[in-house]
Amino acid sequence: MNKNLLIQAISEILQRNFESQMNSSKKTRADGNDSQSKSEGKYDTRSIEENYLADGFARQAQAAAGAMTAFKCMPLRNFDRTTPIDLSALVQVGFKEESVWFFLAPAAGGTEVEVEGKRITVLSPESPLGSQLLGLKTGGLIHSPAAKILAVE
């Protein structure tokens, strides 16, 4: 698989997420500072709540921007049957009833993309499954959940 296409697909999702969160932050901040949100009494906290929400959207946008930077800086390595799994590994894991492709990356865990007909889920090394995969090779077993490493690219 062309990992550059994979990185591009993930980056596009992160870019859309960044833009969406920034737009939400700006709109919510504007709503919170609007004259109609002005407090009508000491228990009216609409403006404060809107600004807290805007801060949350801004933090999520920053996280997406940080993830984009992490992907741009991550070296893409080639793996074979004897190479231990590490960042930038594309791993096919066989579970009882299905096999799933994962891409080990420093950020954006849980992001799903489809590239070259394969559905791929980004997995961070901090996740329970990601931490179990690190250092294993093709044919290796993980125990929770029970699975076997079918391929590493």
Foldseek 3Di string as FASTA:
>chain_A
DPVVVVLVQLLVVLVVLLVVLLVQLVVLLCVLPDPVQPDPDPPRCSSVVSNVSSVVSNVSSVQSVVQNVQSVPDDADDDFQPDFDDANKWWWKFDPPGIAIEHEGQDDFQDWDADPNHIYTYHYCPDPVNVQRGGDGQQDFDVVPTIGTHTID
